[in-house]
Amino acid sequence: MTDVTAFSVDSSNSIHQEIMDISQKRVLIIEDIGEMRIMLKSLMTSLGYSKIDVEYSGQMAIKRILEKHYDVILSDYNLGGSIDGQQILETSRKNYAQDHSTIFIMVTADTAYESVVSVLEYQPDSYLVKPFPPAAFFRRLEKVQKQKKIFEGINTARKLNEYEKMEAQAKSIMAEYPHFASQCLKIIGESLYARGRYKDAKSHYMLIIKNHKTLAWAHYGIAQCEMQLGAVGAAIKKLEQTIELSRHFLSAYDLLANAHEDQGNLEDAQFAMKRALEVSPRSNERCLRLADLSAKVADWETAEHAYSRIIRLTRDTINEKVEYYYEYLKCLTNMMNAGGDNAKLADKFKRSLIRLRSFGKANPAAISNSFRIEIQQYLTREHTGEAIKSWKQWNRLIKSGQASPLTDAQKHTLKKRLGLL
């Protein structure tokens, strides 16, 4: 009788502790359709979760993810804005904003996602295709939670940079749960690489490929090691193989661009970024890289397209920056200088200049830079009278403190170009 009572008390305490644990966990729901937001929140509430944040915008979701830790993230794939669920997942995992203990489940109406998810570099822990019954959601979540529990020790070791412990635990899990072999082998490679054992890591990845030739992450692992060992040419070949196996392996394009840039092949690096943007066209980071590389090789048309895309993606978001407009205006000026369609380019220039001055009106340096580039484009088009008008307006704003001042040397150079000396 005593034993039964003890068991009942222990069982009650265990259930109480589990409820308490769930109530302390944070959940983020990212969904642009109101009815779906309500349903997902209701499902999580029914399980005992109470700390639930809800976002309909991908931009705001990324801001939240970078600011705080979440235990569970449920994200729609197609959010209808400039950021989709896959980009949120990539940002989360790539920047380590959410560690590996975070459960990330993709919710999508796109059945094509099923055929793509297996070759994605950044994979969600699970995914559900709409519409789905609550029972399916609960089963999927429970399955992921069990898997996270198995890898809990590895995730803790990773956070503490205890890479030898990660490797030992991965080997132990692989022996007990053979169906997790791929994840464990990946973790062992990660551990060897993090400890600077590049030759051992390379051998480890090569052995994996010997048995599983189509694992893109293993080819990428070899490429990373080759880069660290100074074999850039070999790394480039491996990265091309990685991309051939999985065109969605975005880090392979990034490293490929790095490798080509290391060898001084800027046009090849530029091409790698173009290919990456065909796969992930709404990546600000890669658009910026393409714009920078294009400017370095004086490919002003591609640079202009890249900055135009960045401006569209970031407009009215926390990522909008005056620098993007300034660089875009520089591209347009260089295109005019190269003999482009001046009337069309001048119209683009005018519209972007208005936006820059409106957006950057509280930034004196931005205002001065806007006038500097405006005068430059007027002189490029041989509209000296307009350039002088712009110079006079600029001076008035400098005197009122709305634009940052010039040095005497800068004033002298500018006046000389305007024919005012």
Protein backbone atom coordinates (compact mmCIF):
# COMPACT_ATOMS: atom_id res chain seq x y z
CA MET A 1 0.00 0.00 0.00
CA THR A 2 2.84 2.36 0.91
CA ASP A 3 4.58 1.66 -2.37
CA VAL A 4 1.44 2.46 -4.38
CA THR A 5 1.00 5.74 -2.50
CA ALA A 6 4.65 6.65 -3.09
CA PHE A 7 4.30 5.86 -6.78
CA SER A 8 1.16 8.00 -7.04
CA VAL A 9 2.89 10.97 -5.36
CA ASP A 10 5.97 10.61 -7.58
CA SER A 11 3.81 10.31 -10.68
CA SER A 12 1.81 13.39 -9.66
CA ASN A 13 4.99 15.37 -9.03
CA SER A 14 6.40 14.31 -12.40
CA ILE A 15 3.25 15.41 -14.23
CA HIS A 16 3.21 18.68 -12.27
CA GLN A 17 6.87 19.31 -13.15
CA GLU A 18 6.20 18.60 -16.82
CA ILE A 19 3.30 21.09 -16.85
CA MET A 20 5.49 23.69 -15.13
CA ASP A 21 8.30 23.10 -17.69
CA ILE A 22 5.91 23.54 -20.63
CA SER A 23 4.40 26.72 -19.18
CA GLN A 24 7.89 28.28 -19.03
CA LYS A 25 8.79 27.47 -22.63
CA ARG A 26 8.59 30.18 -25.27
CA VAL A 27 6.80 29.65 -28.58
CA LEU A 28 6.88 31.82 -31.72
CA ILE A 29 4.18 31.41 -34.36
CA ILE A 30 4.93 33.03 -37.75
CA GLU A 31 1.90 33.02 -40.02
CA ASP A 32 0.37 35.69 -42.27
CA ILE A 33 -3.15 34.18 -42.34
CA GLY A 34 -5.23 35.14 -39.30
CA GLU A 35 -7.27 31.93 -39.06
CA MET A 36 -4.11 29.81 -39.16
CA ARG A 37 -2.47 31.93 -36.46
CA ILE A 38 -5.47 31.38 -34.20
CA MET A 39 -5.51 27.63 -34.86
CA LEU A 40 -1.78 27.14 -34.19
CA LYS A 41 -1.96 29.20 -31.00
CA SER A 42 -4.99 27.18 -29.87
CA LEU A 43 -3.13 23.90 -30.50
CA MET A 44 -0.10 25.03 -28.48
CA THR A 45 -2.29 26.41 -25.68
CA SER A 46 -4.10 23.08 -25.43
CA LEU A 47 -0.72 21.43 -24.75
CA GLY A 48 -0.04 23.79 -21.84
CA TYR A 49 2.14 26.42 -23.54
CA SER A 50 1.32 29.96 -22.40
CA LYS A 51 4.30 32.12 -23.44
CA ILE A 52 3.32 32.40 -27.09
CA ASP A 53 4.40 35.24 -29.41
CA VAL A 54 2.68 35.64 -32.78
CA GLU A 55 4.02 37.40 -35.89
CA TYR A 56 2.59 37.73 -39.40
CA SER A 57 5.70 39.41 -40.88
CA GLY A 58 8.93 37.60 -41.68
CA GLN A 59 10.94 40.75 -40.97
CA MET A 60 9.50 41.16 -37.49
CA ALA A 61 9.86 37.44 -36.82
CA ILE A 62 13.60 37.60 -37.55
CA LYS A 63 13.87 40.62 -35.23
CA ARG A 64 12.23 38.61 -32.43
CA ILE A 65 14.40 35.54 -33.09
CA LEU A 66 17.58 37.62 -32.89
CA GLU A 67 16.43 39.22 -29.63
CA LYS A 68 15.28 36.22 -27.57
CA HIS A 69 15.44 32.45 -27.32
CA TYR A 70 12.47 30.32 -28.35
CA ASP A 71 11.88 26.68 -27.52
CA VAL A 72 9.44 26.10 -30.38
CA ILE A 73 9.07 28.00 -33.67
CA LEU A 74 6.15 27.26 -36.00
CA SER A 75 6.60 29.10 -39.28
CA ASP A 76 4.61 29.26 -42.46
CA TYR A 77 6.73 28.75 -45.58
CA ASN A 78 5.07 31.36 -47.82
CA LEU A 79 4.59 34.51 -45.76
CA GLY A 80 3.62 36.78 -48.64
CA GLY A 81 6.34 39.37 -47.94
CA SER A 82 10.02 39.82 -48.72
CA ILE A 83 11.01 37.11 -46.20
CA ASP A 84 9.83 33.49 -46.32
CA GLY A 85 9.96 30.71 -43.75
CA GLN A 86 13.08 29.15 -45.25
CA GLN A 87 14.98 32.43 -44.89
CA ILE A 88 13.87 32.69 -41.27
CA LEU A 89 15.16 29.16 -40.67
CA GLU A 90 18.45 29.93 -42.44
CA THR A 91 18.97 33.15 -40.47
CA SER A 92 18.15 31.38 -37.22
CA ARG A 93 20.53 28.48 -37.78
CA LYS A 94 23.32 30.34 -39.58
CA ASN A 95 23.59 33.11 -36.97
CA TYR A 96 23.06 30.66 -34.08
CA ALA A 97 20.24 32.95 -32.93
CA GLN A 98 18.41 29.78 -31.86
CA ASP A 99 20.54 26.85 -30.72
CA HIS A 100 19.97 23.27 -31.81
CA SER A 101 17.58 22.65 -28.92
CA THR A 102 14.97 24.90 -30.57
CA ILE A 103 12.24 22.98 -32.37
CA PHE A 104 11.56 24.51 -35.81
CA ILE A 105 8.53 23.17 -37.67
CA MET A 106 7.67 24.48 -41.13
CA VAL A 107 3.98 24.75 -41.99
CA THR A 108 3.25 25.02 -45.70
CA ALA A 109 0.52 24.73 -48.30
CA ASP A 110 3.21 24.07 -50.92
CA THR A 111 3.30 20.33 -51.61
CA ALA A 112 6.48 20.85 -53.67
CA TYR A 113 8.29 21.55 -50.39
CA GLU A 114 8.18 17.81 -49.71
CA SER A 115 10.48 17.10 -52.66
CA VAL A 116 12.87 19.93 -51.77
CA VAL A 117 13.24 19.67 -47.98
CA SER A 118 15.47 16.57 -48.05
CA VAL A 119 18.21 18.41 -49.98
CA LEU A 120 18.04 21.73 -48.17
CA GLU A 121 21.13 22.75 -46.24
CA TYR A 122 19.09 24.19 -43.38
CA GLN A 123 16.34 21.70 -42.74
CA PRO A 124 13.44 22.21 -40.33
CA ASP A 125 13.07 19.61 -37.59
CA SER A 126 9.79 18.68 -39.24
CA TYR A 127 7.15 20.09 -41.56
CA LEU A 128 3.41 19.87 -42.08
CA VAL A 129 1.51 20.39 -45.32
CA LYS A 130 -1.78 22.28 -44.97
CA PRO A 131 -4.49 21.32 -44.27
CA PHE A 132 -3.68 18.93 -41.43
CA PRO A 133 -5.76 17.55 -38.49
CA PRO A 134 -4.73 18.44 -34.92
CA ALA A 135 -3.80 14.79 -34.27
CA ALA A 136 -1.15 14.93 -37.03
CA PHE A 137 0.29 18.12 -35.54
CA PHE A 138 0.49 16.61 -32.05
CA ARG A 139 2.15 13.41 -33.35
CA ARG A 140 4.73 15.38 -35.32
CA LEU A 141 5.57 17.66 -32.40
CA GLU A 142 5.89 14.74 -29.99
CA LYS A 143 8.22 12.90 -32.38
CA VAL A 144 10.51 15.95 -32.68
CA GLN A 145 10.50 16.47 -28.91
CA LYS A 146 11.68 12.87 -28.38
CA GLN A 147 14.49 13.35 -30.91
CA LYS A 148 15.56 16.62 -29.26
CA LYS A 149 15.70 14.78 -25.93
CA ILE A 150 18.07 12.19 -27.38
CA PHE A 151 20.40 14.92 -28.72
CA GLU A 152 20.06 17.13 -25.63
CA GLY A 153 23.54 16.30 -24.29
CA ILE A 154 25.14 17.09 -27.66
CA ASN A 155 23.34 20.43 -27.87
CA THR A 156 24.56 21.34 -24.37
CA ALA A 157 28.13 20.35 -25.25
CA ARG A 158 27.94 22.39 -28.46
CA LYS A 159 26.91 25.52 -26.51
CA LEU A 160 29.89 25.02 -24.18
CA ASN A 161 32.28 24.34 -27.11
CA GLU A 162 32.98 20.89 -25.66
CA TYR A 163 33.60 19.32 -29.05
CA GLU A 164 35.26 16.09 -27.82
CA LYS A 165 32.20 15.40 -25.67
CA MET A 166 29.98 16.07 -28.72
CA GLU A 167 31.90 13.48 -30.71
CA ALA A 168 31.75 10.87 -27.94
CA GLN A 169 28.01 11.35 -27.43
CA ALA A 170 27.34 11.23 -31.19
CA LYS A 171 29.10 7.86 -31.39
CA SER A 172 27.07 6.61 -28.42
CA ILE A 173 23.76 7.74 -29.96
CA MET A 174 24.68 6.20 -33.32
CA ALA A 175 25.30 2.83 -31.62
CA GLU A 176 21.97 2.94 -29.77
CA TYR A 177 19.85 4.56 -32.50
CA PRO A 178 21.23 3.50 -35.92
CA HIS A 179 18.51 5.48 -37.76
CA PHE A 180 20.19 8.69 -36.49
CA ALA A 181 23.52 7.71 -38.09
CA SER A 182 23.52 10.53 -40.66
CA GLN A 183 22.96 13.25 -38.01
CA CYS A 184 25.64 11.70 -35.78
CA LEU A 185 28.22 11.45 -38.56
CA LYS A 186 27.58 15.10 -39.40
CA ILE A 187 28.13 16.04 -35.73
CA ILE A 188 31.42 14.11 -35.61
CA GLY A 189 32.66 15.97 -38.69
CA GLU A 190 31.59 19.28 -37.13
CA SER A 191 33.49 18.38 -33.95
CA LEU A 192 36.73 17.48 -35.76
CA TYR A 193 36.58 20.64 -37.87
CA ALA A 194 35.86 22.89 -34.84
CA ARG A 195 38.95 21.46 -33.09
CA GLY A 196 41.15 22.35 -36.09
CA ARG A 197 41.70 18.70 -37.04
CA TYR A 198 41.15 19.42 -40.72
CA LYS A 199 42.96 16.36 -42.11
CA ASP A 200 41.03 14.03 -39.78
CA ALA A 201 37.77 15.79 -40.64
CA LYS A 202 38.52 15.46 -44.36
CA SER A 203 39.23 11.72 -43.95
CA HIS A 204 35.99 11.35 -41.98
CA TYR A 205 33.94 13.03 -44.72
CA MET A 206 35.70 11.04 -47.46
CA LEU A 207 34.81 7.78 -45.72
CA ILE A 208 31.16 8.89 -45.53
CA ILE A 209 31.14 9.70 -49.28
CA LYS A 210 32.66 6.32 -50.05
CA ASN A 211 29.49 4.74 -48.64
CA HIS A 212 27.01 7.53 -49.45
CA LYS A 213 28.11 9.38 -52.60
CA THR A 214 25.16 11.78 -52.72
CA LEU A 215 25.39 13.42 -49.27
CA ALA A 216 25.90 17.07 -50.16
CA TRP A 217 26.90 18.08 -46.63
CA ALA A 218 29.81 15.60 -46.67
CA HIS A 219 31.15 17.05 -49.94
CA TYR A 220 30.78 20.51 -48.43
CA GLY A 221 32.67 19.34 -45.33
CA ILE A 222 35.60 18.25 -47.50
CA ALA A 223 35.56 21.64 -49.27
CA GLN A 224 35.72 23.46 -45.93
CA CYS A 225 38.72 21.34 -44.92
CA GLU A 226 40.46 21.91 -48.27
CA MET A 227 40.06 25.67 -47.79
CA GLN A 228 41.65 25.47 -44.34
CA LEU A 229 44.47 23.30 -45.71
CA GLY A 230 45.19 25.84 -48.46
CA ALA A 231 43.98 23.65 -51.34
CA VAL A 232 41.64 26.28 -52.81
CA GLY A 233 41.44 24.66 -56.25
CA ALA A 234 40.38 21.33 -54.75
CA ALA A 235 37.84 23.14 -52.57
CA ILE A 236 36.29 24.77 -55.66
CA LYS A 237 35.84 21.37 -57.33
CA LYS A 238 34.19 19.96 -54.20
CA LEU A 239 31.88 22.96 -53.89
CA GLU A 240 30.75 22.54 -57.49
CA GLN A 241 30.00 18.89 -56.67
CA THR A 242 28.03 19.99 -53.60
CA ILE A 243 25.92 22.37 -55.67
CA GLU A 244 25.40 19.73 -58.36
CA LEU A 245 24.03 17.39 -55.69
CA SER A 246 21.93 20.09 -53.99
CA ARG A 247 21.35 23.44 -55.66
CA HIS A 248 19.69 24.56 -52.40
CA PHE A 249 22.94 24.24 -50.41
CA LEU A 250 23.40 27.99 -50.07
CA SER A 251 26.57 28.00 -47.95
CA ALA A 252 28.32 26.20 -50.82
CA TYR A 253 27.76 29.23 -53.06
CA ASP A 254 29.05 31.55 -50.32
CA LEU A 255 32.22 29.51 -49.81
CA LEU A 256 32.65 29.14 -53.58
CA ALA A 257 32.57 32.94 -53.93
CA ASN A 258 35.15 33.20 -51.13
CA ALA A 259 37.40 30.67 -52.86
CA HIS A 260 37.25 32.47 -56.21
CA GLU A 261 37.83 35.82 -54.50
CA ASP A 262 40.87 34.38 -52.68
CA GLN A 263 42.29 33.47 -56.09
CA GLY A 264 41.53 36.92 -57.48
CA ASN A 265 38.80 35.61 -59.81
CA LEU A 266 36.20 38.27 -59.02
CA GLU A 267 34.00 37.53 -62.02
CA ASP A 268 33.77 33.86 -61.00
CA ALA A 269 32.90 34.95 -57.45
CA GLN A 270 30.25 37.26 -58.91
CA PHE A 271 28.80 34.36 -60.93
CA ALA A 272 28.61 32.19 -57.79
CA MET A 273 26.51 34.87 -56.09
CA LYS A 274 24.25 35.16 -59.14
CA ARG A 275 23.61 31.41 -58.95
CA ALA A 276 22.87 31.63 -55.22
CA LEU A 277 20.31 34.37 -55.80
CA GLU A 278 18.54 32.25 -58.41
CA VAL A 279 17.87 29.79 -55.57
CA SER A 280 17.27 32.34 -52.81
CA PRO A 281 16.32 35.64 -54.54
CA ARG A 282 15.33 37.45 -51.33
CA SER A 283 18.61 37.18 -49.44
CA ASN A 284 19.81 40.68 -48.49
CA GLU A 285 23.24 39.40 -47.54
CA ARG A 286 23.87 37.77 -50.91
CA CYS A 287 22.42 40.73 -52.83
CA LEU A 288 24.93 42.95 -51.06
CA ARG A 289 27.76 40.55 -51.87
CA LEU A 290 26.74 40.50 -55.53
CA ALA A 291 26.51 44.32 -55.61
CA ASP A 292 29.98 44.67 -54.06
CA LEU A 293 31.60 42.15 -56.41
CA SER A 294 29.88 43.71 -59.43
CA ALA A 295 31.15 47.17 -58.47
CA LYS A 296 34.69 45.79 -58.12
CA VAL A 297 34.62 44.49 -61.72
CA ALA A 298 32.83 47.67 -62.91
CA ASP A 299 29.73 45.71 -63.94
CA TRP A 300 27.48 48.64 -63.05
CA GLU A 301 24.35 47.18 -64.59
CA THR A 302 24.46 44.08 -62.38
CA ALA A 303 25.40 46.21 -59.36
CA GLU A 304 22.43 48.49 -60.07
CA HIS A 305 20.05 45.52 -60.29
CA ALA A 306 21.44 44.13 -57.03
CA TYR A 307 21.05 47.40 -55.12
CA SER A 308 17.60 47.91 -56.62
CA ARG A 309 16.60 44.50 -55.26
CA ILE A 310 18.05 45.30 -51.82
CA ILE A 311 16.11 48.57 -51.70
CA ARG A 312 12.86 46.76 -52.60
CA LEU A 313 13.45 44.06 -49.99
CA THR A 314 14.34 46.44 -47.16
CA ARG A 315 12.05 49.40 -47.82
CA ASP A 316 9.99 50.34 -44.74
CA THR A 317 11.73 47.66 -42.67
CA ILE A 318 14.33 47.84 -39.90
CA ASN A 319 16.97 46.85 -42.49
CA GLU A 320 16.51 49.89 -44.74
CA LYS A 321 19.74 51.94 -44.86
CA VAL A 322 20.76 55.23 -46.48
CA GLU A 323 23.96 53.54 -47.71
CA TYR A 324 21.96 51.33 -50.06
CA TYR A 325 20.47 54.38 -51.80
CA TYR A 326 23.80 56.14 -51.99
CA GLU A 327 25.50 53.10 -53.57
CA TYR A 328 22.54 52.68 -55.94
CA LEU A 329 22.86 56.30 -57.07
CA LYS A 330 26.60 55.77 -57.65
CA CYS A 331 25.77 52.80 -59.89
CA LEU A 332 23.32 54.90 -61.92
CA THR A 333 25.92 57.67 -62.28
CA ASN A 334 28.54 55.22 -63.53
CA MET A 335 26.03 53.79 -66.00
CA MET A 336 25.35 57.29 -67.32
CA ASN A 337 29.08 57.88 -67.57
CA ALA A 338 29.37 54.68 -69.64
CA GLY A 339 26.78 55.98 -72.11
CA GLY A 340 23.58 54.34 -70.87
CA ASP A 341 20.03 55.56 -71.52
CA ASN A 342 20.48 58.87 -69.69
CA ALA A 343 16.79 59.87 -69.69
CA LYS A 344 15.66 56.56 -68.15
CA LEU A 345 18.58 56.45 -65.73
CA ALA A 346 18.04 60.10 -64.75
CA ASP A 347 14.42 59.34 -63.89
CA LYS A 348 15.50 56.42 -61.67
CA PHE A 349 18.12 58.68 -60.12
CA LYS A 350 15.60 61.40 -59.30
CA ARG A 351 13.11 59.01 -57.67
CA SER A 352 15.80 57.34 -55.55
CA LEU A 353 17.30 60.68 -54.56
CA ILE A 354 13.91 61.87 -53.28
CA ARG A 355 13.53 58.68 -51.23
CA LEU A 356 17.08 58.98 -49.86
CA ARG A 357 16.53 62.57 -48.69
CA SER A 358 13.19 61.71 -47.17
CA PHE A 359 14.48 58.60 -45.41
CA GLY A 360 17.77 60.19 -44.33
CA LYS A 361 16.51 63.69 -43.49
CA ALA A 362 17.72 63.39 -39.88
CA ASN A 363 21.20 62.29 -41.01
CA PRO A 364 23.38 65.31 -42.08
CA ALA A 365 26.06 63.01 -43.56
CA ALA A 366 23.45 61.24 -45.71
CA ILE A 367 22.12 64.57 -46.97
CA SER A 368 25.64 65.75 -47.90
CA ASN A 369 26.38 62.47 -49.66
CA SER A 370 23.13 62.81 -51.62
CA PHE A 371 24.17 66.23 -52.92
CA ARG A 372 27.69 65.03 -53.69
CA ILE A 373 26.39 62.24 -55.91
CA GLU A 374 23.68 64.47 -57.44
CA ILE A 375 26.29 67.02 -58.54
CA GLN A 376 28.46 64.24 -59.90
CA GLN A 377 25.64 62.88 -62.09
CA TYR A 378 24.78 66.40 -63.36
CA LEU A 379 28.41 66.90 -64.37
CA THR A 380 28.45 63.45 -65.99
CA ARG A 381 25.50 64.58 -68.15
CA GLU A 382 27.16 68.00 -68.71
CA HIS A 383 24.31 69.81 -66.94
CA THR A 384 26.61 72.29 -65.23
CA GLY A 385 23.86 74.82 -64.49
CA GLU A 386 21.82 72.20 -62.60
CA ALA A 387 24.96 71.12 -60.75
CA ILE A 388 25.58 74.71 -59.58
CA LYS A 389 21.96 75.02 -58.38
CA SER A 390 22.41 71.82 -56.41
CA TRP A 391 25.66 73.16 -54.93
CA LYS A 392 23.95 76.36 -53.75
CA GLN A 393 21.10 74.40 -52.15
CA TRP A 394 23.64 72.15 -50.45
CA ASN A 395 25.44 75.19 -49.02
CA ARG A 396 22.22 76.51 -47.52
CA LEU A 397 21.58 73.18 -45.81
CA ILE A 398 25.17 73.08 -44.50
CA LYS A 399 24.71 76.55 -42.96
CA SER A 400 21.44 75.46 -41.31
CA GLY A 401 23.08 72.30 -39.94
CA GLN A 402 20.90 69.94 -41.98
CA ALA A 403 23.87 68.72 -44.03
CA SER A 404 27.36 67.89 -42.80
CA PRO A 405 30.11 70.44 -43.71
CA LEU A 406 32.94 69.98 -46.20
CA THR A 407 36.63 70.53 -45.60
CA ASP A 408 38.30 73.51 -47.32
CA ALA A 409 40.08 71.10 -49.69
CA GLN A 410 36.77 69.44 -50.63
CA LYS A 411 35.14 72.83 -51.27
CA HIS A 412 38.05 73.92 -53.46
CA THR A 413 37.91 70.73 -55.56
CA LEU A 414 34.15 70.95 -56.00
CA LYS A 415 34.17 74.63 -56.95
CA LYS A 416 36.91 73.96 -59.48
CA ARG A 417 34.82 71.18 -61.09
CA LEU A 418 31.82 73.51 -61.22
CA GLY A 419 33.87 76.31 -62.80
CA LEU A 420 33.29 78.63 -59.85
CA LEU A 421 36.99 79.50 -59.28
